[in-house]
Amino acid sequence: MKNEGVADRVIRVVIGAILLSLVFIGPQTAWGWIGLVPLITGLIGFCPLYKLLGFNTCPINKQ
């Protein structure tokens, strides 16, 4: 089941990739690993926090 729309997923993947790049380039800080969360949720299309809060940006699964 997906609960993220296309725009939401694209934004998550872009932000996740930018944050993850901080591990390898830029300040090379471990905080960049936080980028895995939006990257993975954007790739699979499901956000557990959205489920918990009752949000749904996916137009197909709107109820």
N, C-alpha and C. Protein backbone atom coordinates (compact mmCIF):
# COMPACT_ATOMS: atom_id res chain seq x y z
N MET A 1 0.83 -1.18 0.00
CA MET A 1 0.00 0.00 0.00
C MET A 1 0.88 1.25 0.00
N LYS A 2 0.56 2.17 -0.86
CA LYS A 2 1.31 3.42 -0.95
C LYS A 2 0.49 4.55 -0.34
N ASN A 3 1.18 5.49 0.28
CA ASN A 3 0.49 6.65 0.83
C ASN A 3 1.19 7.96 0.47
N GLU A 4 2.03 7.92 -0.58
CA GLU A 4 2.72 9.11 -1.05
C GLU A 4 2.43 9.31 -2.53
N GLY A 5 2.12 10.55 -2.90
CA GLY A 5 1.89 10.90 -4.29
C GLY A 5 3.22 11.08 -5.03
N VAL A 6 3.13 11.29 -6.32
CA VAL A 6 4.33 11.39 -7.16
C VAL A 6 5.20 12.58 -6.75
N ALA A 7 4.59 13.75 -6.57
CA ALA A 7 5.37 14.94 -6.20
C ALA A 7 6.05 14.74 -4.85
N ASP A 8 5.33 14.17 -3.91
CA ASP A 8 5.87 13.88 -2.58
C ASP A 8 7.07 12.95 -2.68
N ARG A 9 6.95 11.93 -3.49
CA ARG A 9 8.03 10.95 -3.65
C ARG A 9 9.26 11.57 -4.29
N VAL A 10 9.06 12.39 -5.31
CA VAL A 10 10.19 13.04 -5.99
C VAL A 10 10.93 13.96 -5.03
N ILE A 11 10.19 14.74 -4.26
CA ILE A 11 10.81 15.65 -3.29
C ILE A 11 11.60 14.87 -2.26
N ARG A 12 11.05 13.76 -1.77
CA ARG A 12 11.75 12.94 -0.78
C ARG A 12 13.04 12.35 -1.34
N VAL A 13 12.99 11.86 -2.57
CA VAL A 13 14.19 11.26 -3.18
C VAL A 13 15.27 12.31 -3.37
N VAL A 14 14.89 13.49 -3.85
CA VAL A 14 15.88 14.56 -4.07
C VAL A 14 16.50 15.00 -2.74
N ILE A 15 15.66 15.26 -1.74
CA ILE A 15 16.18 15.68 -0.43
C ILE A 15 17.04 14.59 0.19
N GLY A 16 16.60 13.34 0.09
CA GLY A 16 17.38 12.23 0.63
C GLY A 16 18.74 12.11 -0.04
N ALA A 17 18.77 12.26 -1.35
CA ALA A 17 20.04 12.17 -2.08
C ALA A 17 20.98 13.32 -1.70
N ILE A 18 20.43 14.50 -1.54
CA ILE A 18 21.25 15.66 -1.14
C ILE A 18 21.83 15.43 0.25
N LEU A 19 20.99 15.01 1.18
CA LEU A 19 21.48 14.76 2.54
C LEU A 19 22.51 13.64 2.57
N LEU A 20 22.26 12.58 1.83
CA LEU A 20 23.19 11.46 1.78
C LEU A 20 24.53 11.86 1.17
N SER A 21 24.50 12.80 0.25
CA SER A 21 25.76 13.25 -0.36
C SER A 21 26.67 13.94 0.65
N LEU A 22 26.10 14.45 1.75
CA LEU A 22 26.91 15.09 2.78
C LEU A 22 27.87 14.12 3.45
N VAL A 23 27.58 12.83 3.36
CA VAL A 23 28.47 11.82 3.94
C VAL A 23 29.74 11.71 3.12
N PHE A 24 29.63 11.89 1.81
CA PHE A 24 30.75 11.65 0.91
C PHE A 24 31.43 12.92 0.42
N ILE A 25 30.67 13.99 0.24
CA ILE A 25 31.25 15.26 -0.22
C ILE A 25 30.79 16.37 0.72
N GLY A 26 31.31 17.52 0.56
CA GLY A 26 30.92 18.63 1.42
C GLY A 26 31.56 18.49 2.79
N PRO A 27 30.79 18.72 3.86
CA PRO A 27 31.39 18.67 5.20
C PRO A 27 31.70 17.25 5.69
N GLN A 28 31.29 16.23 4.96
CA GLN A 28 31.52 14.82 5.30
C GLN A 28 31.12 14.51 6.74
N THR A 29 29.89 14.84 7.05
CA THR A 29 29.36 14.61 8.38
C THR A 29 28.46 13.38 8.40
N ALA A 30 28.42 12.72 9.53
CA ALA A 30 27.59 11.52 9.66
C ALA A 30 26.10 11.85 9.65
N TRP A 31 25.72 13.10 9.87
CA TRP A 31 24.32 13.50 9.84
C TRP A 31 23.70 13.25 8.47
N GLY A 32 24.50 13.12 7.47
CA GLY A 32 23.99 12.86 6.12
C GLY A 32 23.27 11.52 6.00
N TRP A 33 23.58 10.59 6.89
CA TRP A 33 22.92 9.29 6.87
C TRP A 33 21.42 9.41 7.13
N ILE A 34 21.00 10.52 7.72
CA ILE A 34 19.57 10.79 7.93
C ILE A 34 18.86 10.80 6.57
N GLY A 35 19.58 11.12 5.52
CA GLY A 35 19.01 11.16 4.17
C GLY A 35 18.49 9.82 3.69
N LEU A 36 18.89 8.74 4.32
CA LEU A 36 18.38 7.42 3.94
C LEU A 36 16.87 7.31 4.19
N VAL A 37 16.38 7.98 5.23
CA VAL A 37 14.96 7.88 5.57
C VAL A 37 14.08 8.43 4.44
N PRO A 38 14.25 9.71 4.04
CA PRO A 38 13.40 10.19 2.94
C PRO A 38 13.69 9.48 1.62
N LEU A 39 14.93 9.08 1.40
CA LEU A 39 15.27 8.38 0.16
C LEU A 39 14.53 7.05 0.07
N ILE A 40 14.57 6.26 1.11
CA ILE A 40 13.91 4.95 1.10
C ILE A 40 12.39 5.10 1.04
N THR A 41 11.84 6.00 1.85
CA THR A 41 10.38 6.17 1.84
C THR A 41 9.91 6.70 0.49
N GLY A 42 10.71 7.54 -0.14
CA GLY A 42 10.36 8.05 -1.46
C GLY A 42 10.43 6.96 -2.53
N LEU A 43 11.39 6.08 -2.41
CA LEU A 43 11.52 5.00 -3.40
C LEU A 43 10.42 3.95 -3.27
N ILE A 44 10.02 3.64 -2.05
CA ILE A 44 8.99 2.61 -1.88
C ILE A 44 7.58 3.20 -1.90
N GLY A 45 7.45 4.50 -1.67
CA GLY A 45 6.14 5.15 -1.74
C GLY A 45 5.30 5.01 -0.49
N PHE A 46 5.90 4.61 0.61
CA PHE A 46 5.16 4.44 1.86
C PHE A 46 5.91 5.12 2.99
N CYS A 47 5.20 5.93 3.76
CA CYS A 47 5.78 6.60 4.91
C CYS A 47 5.04 6.15 6.17
N PRO A 48 5.73 5.49 7.10
CA PRO A 48 5.08 5.04 8.33
C PRO A 48 4.51 6.19 9.16
N LEU A 49 5.18 7.34 9.15
CA LEU A 49 4.68 8.49 9.89
C LEU A 49 3.37 9.00 9.31
N TYR A 50 3.26 9.01 7.98
CA TYR A 50 2.00 9.39 7.34
C TYR A 50 0.88 8.45 7.78
N LYS A 51 1.17 7.17 7.84
CA LYS A 51 0.18 6.17 8.26
C LYS A 51 -0.27 6.45 9.69
N LEU A 52 0.69 6.73 10.56
CA LEU A 52 0.40 6.99 11.96
C LEU A 52 -0.46 8.24 12.13
N LEU A 53 -0.18 9.28 11.34
CA LEU A 53 -0.90 10.54 11.44
C LEU A 53 -2.15 10.61 10.56
N GLY A 54 -2.35 9.60 9.71
CA GLY A 54 -3.53 9.55 8.86
C GLY A 54 -3.42 10.38 7.59
N PHE A 55 -2.21 10.75 7.18
CA PHE A 55 -2.01 11.50 5.94
C PHE A 55 -1.94 10.55 4.77
N ASN A 56 -2.34 11.05 3.60
CA ASN A 56 -2.25 10.26 2.37
C ASN A 56 -2.20 11.23 1.20
N THR A 57 -1.07 11.27 0.49
CA THR A 57 -0.95 12.16 -0.66
C THR A 57 -1.06 11.39 -1.98
N CYS A 58 -1.29 10.10 -1.90
CA CYS A 58 -1.43 9.27 -3.10
C CYS A 58 -2.87 9.36 -3.61
N PRO A 59 -3.06 9.86 -4.82
CA PRO A 59 -4.44 10.03 -5.33
C PRO A 59 -5.17 8.72 -5.56
N ILE A 60 -4.47 7.63 -5.78
CA ILE A 60 -5.09 6.34 -6.05
C ILE A 60 -5.69 5.74 -4.77
N ASN A 61 -5.00 5.93 -3.65
CA ASN A 61 -5.42 5.32 -2.39
C ASN A 61 -6.19 6.28 -1.48
N LYS A 62 -6.71 7.36 -2.00
CA LYS A 62 -7.48 8.30 -1.18
C LYS A 62 -8.77 7.64 -0.74
N GLN A 63 -9.15 7.89 0.49
CA GLN A 63 -10.40 7.28 0.99
C GLN A 63 -11.37 8.35 1.41
